[in-house]
Amino acid sequence: QDPDKKIYEMEYSDLKEGEKVVTEETFLNLKKLRNSELEKVDMGVDHMSKEERTAIHTIAKRFELRSETITNEAKEKVIRIEKNTGKKGKGDIVRGERGRSKQEKFLHFSLYKENFSTGECISCMARGARTKDRFFSFAGTKDKRGRTLQRV
């Protein structure tokens, strides 16, 4: 076996034992998908262990394809493998820390207050949300006695 040979240039019989979690038919479909002969390949994985599913994702990566585990319309867990379009994750949102996009990561709002300092308002909201006030950020404090509007 040639170590420089890409997986998509190999035959099914050339695969190592740990890589044979995909069937020969699926292996051929992945080759077709890579050559743009197919749009996508869905593999039912309800019966597979986490290690086997991870091996499938690794094989898809070696084919330079994109894979994700989803639940289809029939409520079955499947790994959908598609041609890598350059987009990451679902749709056109680039995923960031903890699977959320940067747009989805923060809640921005305007805080209107009278006769309260910004710190008092943030502490009160944090208590109501059952979180710590250090999770709220704002730029500067406003006049305690005035009627103010501030972005948080």
C-alpha atoms as a PDB file:
ATOM      1  CA  GLN A   1       0.000   0.000   0.000  1.00  0.00           C
ATOM      2  CA  ASP A   2       1.423   3.355  -1.103  1.00  0.00           C
ATOM      3  CA  PRO A   3       1.462   5.774   1.918  1.00  0.00           C
ATOM      4  CA  ASP A   4       1.231   8.819  -0.399  1.00  0.00           C
ATOM      5  CA  LYS A   5      -1.865   7.492  -2.157  1.00  0.00           C
ATOM      6  CA  LYS A   6      -5.054   9.432  -1.338  1.00  0.00           C
ATOM      7  CA  ILE A   7      -8.029   7.459  -0.037  1.00  0.00           C
ATOM      8  CA  TYR A   8     -10.113   8.420  -3.075  1.00  0.00           C
ATOM      9  CA  GLU A   9      -7.453   6.891  -5.330  1.00  0.00           C
ATOM     10  CA  MET A  10      -7.617   3.560  -3.455  1.00  0.00           C
ATOM     11  CA  GLU A  11      -9.848   0.553  -3.842  1.00  0.00           C
ATOM     12  CA  TYR A  12     -12.060  -0.766  -1.030  1.00  0.00           C
ATOM     13  CA  SER A  13      -9.741  -3.752  -0.565  1.00  0.00           C
ATOM     14  CA  ASP A  14      -6.834  -1.340   0.165  1.00  0.00           C
ATOM     15  CA  LEU A  15      -8.556   0.026   3.303  1.00  0.00           C
ATOM     16  CA  LYS A  16      -7.225  -0.884   6.734  1.00  0.00           C
ATOM     17  CA  GLU A  17      -9.423  -2.937   9.034  1.00  0.00           C
ATOM     18  CA  GLY A  18     -10.481   0.079  11.174  1.00  0.00           C
ATOM     19  CA  GLU A  19     -11.577   1.979   8.059  1.00  0.00           C
ATOM     20  CA  LYS A  20     -13.972  -0.718   6.887  1.00  0.00           C
ATOM     21  CA  VAL A  21     -16.901   0.717   8.895  1.00  0.00           C
ATOM     22  CA  VAL A  22     -18.328   1.797   5.536  1.00  0.00           C
ATOM     23  CA  THR A  23     -19.600  -0.787   3.091  1.00  0.00           C
ATOM     24  CA  GLU A  24     -18.022  -1.234  -0.324  1.00  0.00           C
ATOM     25  CA  GLU A  25     -21.126   0.350  -1.888  1.00  0.00           C
ATOM     26  CA  THR A  26     -20.817   3.409   0.382  1.00  0.00           C
ATOM     27  CA  PHE A  27     -17.092   3.646  -0.399  1.00  0.00           C
ATOM     28  CA  LEU A  28     -17.891   3.719  -4.127  1.00  0.00           C
ATOM     29  CA  ASN A  29     -20.628   6.331  -3.504  1.00  0.00           C
ATOM     30  CA  LEU A  30     -18.091   8.520  -1.653  1.00  0.00           C
ATOM     31  CA  LYS A  31     -15.804   8.289  -4.685  1.00  0.00           C
ATOM     32  CA  LYS A  32     -18.727   9.287  -6.949  1.00  0.00           C
ATOM     33  CA  LEU A  33     -19.603  12.147  -4.591  1.00  0.00           C
ATOM     34  CA  ARG A  34     -16.043  13.426  -4.690  1.00  0.00           C
ATOM     35  CA  ASN A  35     -16.143  13.310  -8.504  1.00  0.00           C
ATOM     36  CA  SER A  36     -19.458  15.276  -8.448  1.00  0.00           C
ATOM     37  CA  GLU A  37     -21.459  12.312  -9.765  1.00  0.00           C
ATOM     38  CA  LEU A  38     -23.682  12.422  -6.658  1.00  0.00           C
ATOM     39  CA  GLU A  39     -25.053  15.333  -4.586  1.00  0.00           C
ATOM     40  CA  LYS A  40     -24.965  13.711  -1.158  1.00  0.00           C
ATOM     41  CA  VAL A  41     -24.650  10.388   0.653  1.00  0.00           C
ATOM     42  CA  ASP A  42     -26.781   9.619   3.724  1.00  0.00           C
ATOM     43  CA  MET A  43     -25.696   6.767   5.985  1.00  0.00           C
ATOM     44  CA  GLY A  44     -28.010   5.404   8.690  1.00  0.00           C
ATOM     45  CA  VAL A  45     -26.018   5.270  11.940  1.00  0.00           C
ATOM     46  CA  ASP A  46     -28.629   4.467  14.618  1.00  0.00           C
ATOM     47  CA  HIS A  47     -27.009   1.086  15.236  1.00  0.00           C
ATOM     48  CA  MET A  48     -23.399   2.336  15.323  1.00  0.00           C
ATOM     49  CA  SER A  49     -21.200   3.232  18.276  1.00  0.00           C
ATOM     50  CA  LYS A  50     -19.628   6.666  18.704  1.00  0.00           C
ATOM     51  CA  GLU A  51     -16.236   5.279  17.634  1.00  0.00           C
ATOM     52  CA  GLU A  52     -17.717   3.922  14.399  1.00  0.00           C
ATOM     53  CA  ARG A  53     -19.457   7.250  13.658  1.00  0.00           C
ATOM     54  CA  THR A  54     -16.198   9.097  14.348  1.00  0.00           C
ATOM     55  CA  ALA A  55     -14.419   6.747  11.920  1.00  0.00           C
ATOM     56  CA  ILE A  56     -16.996   7.597   9.232  1.00  0.00           C
ATOM     57  CA  HIS A  57     -16.458  11.349   9.762  1.00  0.00           C
ATOM     58  CA  THR A  58     -12.685  10.741   9.514  1.00  0.00           C
ATOM     59  CA  ILE A  59     -13.095   8.852   6.238  1.00  0.00           C
ATOM     60  CA  ALA A  60     -15.277  11.661   4.855  1.00  0.00           C
ATOM     61  CA  LYS A  61     -12.580  14.161   5.843  1.00  0.00           C
ATOM     62  CA  ARG A  62      -9.946  12.068   4.062  1.00  0.00           C
ATOM     63  CA  PHE A  63     -12.139  12.166   0.953  1.00  0.00           C
ATOM     64  CA  GLU A  64     -12.084  15.977   1.396  1.00  0.00           C
ATOM     65  CA  LEU A  65     -15.857  15.950   1.920  1.00  0.00           C
ATOM     66  CA  ARG A  66     -18.024  17.588   4.562  1.00  0.00           C
ATOM     67  CA  SER A  67     -20.016  15.424   6.989  1.00  0.00           C
ATOM     68  CA  GLU A  68     -22.467  16.076   9.788  1.00  0.00           C
ATOM     69  CA  THR A  69     -24.704  13.912  11.954  1.00  0.00           C
ATOM     70  CA  ILE A  70     -28.357  14.890  11.556  1.00  0.00           C
ATOM     71  CA  THR A  71     -31.813  13.452  12.229  1.00  0.00           C
ATOM     72  CA  ASN A  72     -33.734  12.879   8.996  1.00  0.00           C
ATOM     73  CA  GLU A  73     -37.487  13.162   8.347  1.00  0.00           C
ATOM     74  CA  ALA A  74     -38.050   9.571   9.518  1.00  0.00           C
ATOM     75  CA  LYS A  75     -36.456  10.470  12.908  1.00  0.00           C
ATOM     76  CA  GLU A  76     -33.386   8.321  12.183  1.00  0.00           C
ATOM     77  CA  LYS A  77     -29.851   9.436  13.007  1.00  0.00           C
ATOM     78  CA  VAL A  78     -27.842   9.692   9.766  1.00  0.00           C
ATOM     79  CA  ILE A  79     -24.474  11.007   8.723  1.00  0.00           C
ATOM     80  CA  ARG A  80     -24.935  13.251   5.707  1.00  0.00           C
ATOM     81  CA  ILE A  81     -21.819  13.545   3.558  1.00  0.00           C
ATOM     82  CA  GLU A  82     -21.657  16.281   0.931  1.00  0.00           C
ATOM     83  CA  LYS A  83     -19.128  17.919  -1.329  1.00  0.00           C
ATOM     84  CA  ASN A  84     -17.171  20.528   0.626  1.00  0.00           C
ATOM     85  CA  THR A  85     -18.535  23.915  -0.475  1.00  0.00           C
ATOM     86  CA  GLY A  86     -16.275  26.015   1.735  1.00  0.00           C
ATOM     87  CA  LYS A  87     -19.184  26.857   4.052  1.00  0.00           C
ATOM     88  CA  LYS A  88     -18.928  25.629   7.606  1.00  0.00           C
ATOM     89  CA  GLY A  89     -21.875  24.179   9.477  1.00  0.00           C
ATOM     90  CA  LYS A  90     -25.496  24.697   8.579  1.00  0.00           C
ATOM     91  CA  GLY A  91     -26.411  27.357   6.029  1.00  0.00           C
ATOM     92  CA  ASP A  92     -24.147  30.307   5.500  1.00  0.00           C
ATOM     93  CA  ILE A  93     -23.446  31.110   9.164  1.00  0.00           C
ATOM     94  CA  VAL A  94     -19.826  30.543  10.096  1.00  0.00           C
ATOM     95  CA  ARG A  95     -19.809  28.636  13.355  1.00  0.00           C
ATOM     96  CA  GLY A  96     -17.760  29.962  16.227  1.00  0.00           C
ATOM     97  CA  GLU A  97     -17.141  29.064  19.828  1.00  0.00           C
ATOM     98  CA  ARG A  98     -19.443  26.363  21.239  1.00  0.00           C
ATOM     99  CA  GLY A  99     -21.244  25.855  17.940  1.00  0.00           C
ATOM    100  CA  ARG A 100     -22.817  29.314  17.791  1.00  0.00           C
ATOM    101  CA  SER A 101     -22.097  32.015  15.266  1.00  0.00           C
ATOM    102  CA  LYS A 102     -20.779  35.327  16.510  1.00  0.00           C
ATOM    103  CA  GLN A 103     -24.178  36.872  15.678  1.00  0.00           C
ATOM    104  CA  GLU A 104     -25.916  34.277  17.865  1.00  0.00           C
ATOM    105  CA  LYS A 105     -23.445  34.440  20.737  1.00  0.00           C
ATOM    106  CA  PHE A 106     -24.568  37.723  22.354  1.00  0.00           C
ATOM    107  CA  LEU A 107     -27.866  39.423  23.097  1.00  0.00           C
ATOM    108  CA  HIS A 108     -27.723  43.190  22.536  1.00  0.00           C
ATOM    109  CA  PHE A 109     -30.395  45.447  23.986  1.00  0.00           C
ATOM    110  CA  SER A 110     -31.028  49.024  25.095  1.00  0.00           C
ATOM    111  CA  LEU A 111     -31.473  49.622  28.805  1.00  0.00           C
ATOM    112  CA  TYR A 112     -33.749  52.511  29.829  1.00  0.00           C
ATOM    113  CA  LYS A 113     -33.440  53.472  33.461  1.00  0.00           C
ATOM    114  CA  GLU A 114     -34.436  56.211  35.902  1.00  0.00           C
ATOM    115  CA  ASN A 115     -32.963  56.743  39.377  1.00  0.00           C
ATOM    116  CA  PHE A 116     -30.777  53.606  39.155  1.00  0.00           C
ATOM    117  CA  SER A 117     -27.076  53.244  38.482  1.00  0.00           C
ATOM    118  CA  THR A 118     -26.051  50.949  35.638  1.00  0.00           C
ATOM    119  CA  GLY A 119     -24.493  48.515  38.114  1.00  0.00           C
ATOM    120  CA  GLU A 120     -27.702  48.267  40.142  1.00  0.00           C
ATOM    121  CA  CYS A 121     -29.757  47.571  36.997  1.00  0.00           C
ATOM    122  CA  ILE A 122     -27.327  44.931  35.735  1.00  0.00           C
ATOM    123  CA  SER A 123     -27.301  43.213  39.158  1.00  0.00           C
ATOM    124  CA  CYS A 124     -31.098  43.194  39.227  1.00  0.00           C
ATOM    125  CA  MET A 125     -31.336  41.745  35.695  1.00  0.00           C
ATOM    126  CA  ALA A 126     -28.667  39.137  36.440  1.00  0.00           C
ATOM    127  CA  ARG A 127     -30.557  38.043  39.536  1.00  0.00           C
ATOM    128  CA  GLY A 128     -33.765  37.746  37.471  1.00  0.00           C
ATOM    129  CA  ALA A 129     -31.930  35.706  34.808  1.00  0.00           C
ATOM    130  CA  ARG A 130     -30.248  33.610  37.525  1.00  0.00           C
ATOM    131  CA  THR A 131     -26.775  34.389  36.248  1.00  0.00           C
ATOM    132  CA  LYS A 132     -23.814  36.509  37.292  1.00  0.00           C
ATOM    133  CA  ASP A 133     -23.673  40.205  36.507  1.00  0.00           C
ATOM    134  CA  ARG A 134     -20.175  39.796  35.058  1.00  0.00           C
ATOM    135  CA  PHE A 135     -21.823  38.121  32.014  1.00  0.00           C
ATOM    136  CA  PHE A 136     -23.309  41.520  31.091  1.00  0.00           C
ATOM    137  CA  SER A 137     -21.069  44.105  29.468  1.00  0.00           C
ATOM    138  CA  PHE A 138     -21.565  47.808  28.884  1.00  0.00           C
ATOM    139  CA  ALA A 139     -19.414  50.811  28.077  1.00  0.00           C
ATOM    140  CA  GLY A 140     -19.244  53.209  31.027  1.00  0.00           C
ATOM    141  CA  THR A 141     -21.825  54.135  33.617  1.00  0.00           C
ATOM    142  CA  LYS A 142     -24.593  56.658  33.193  1.00  0.00           C
ATOM    143  CA  ASP A 143     -26.016  59.313  35.493  1.00  0.00           C
ATOM    144  CA  LYS A 144     -27.878  57.676  38.380  1.00  0.00           C
ATOM    145  CA  ARG A 145     -30.425  60.473  38.773  1.00  0.00           C
ATOM    146  CA  GLY A 146     -31.167  61.046  35.080  1.00  0.00           C
ATOM    147  CA  ARG A 147     -33.347  59.245  32.577  1.00  0.00           C
ATOM    148  CA  THR A 148     -30.866  57.377  30.407  1.00  0.00           C
ATOM    149  CA  LEU A 149     -30.765  54.844  27.593  1.00  0.00           C
ATOM    150  CA  GLN A 150     -27.709  52.636  27.288  1.00  0.00           C
ATOM    151  CA  ARG A 151     -26.653  49.685  25.104  1.00  0.00           C
ATOM    152  CA  VAL A 152     -25.878  46.494  27.022  1.00  0.00           C
END
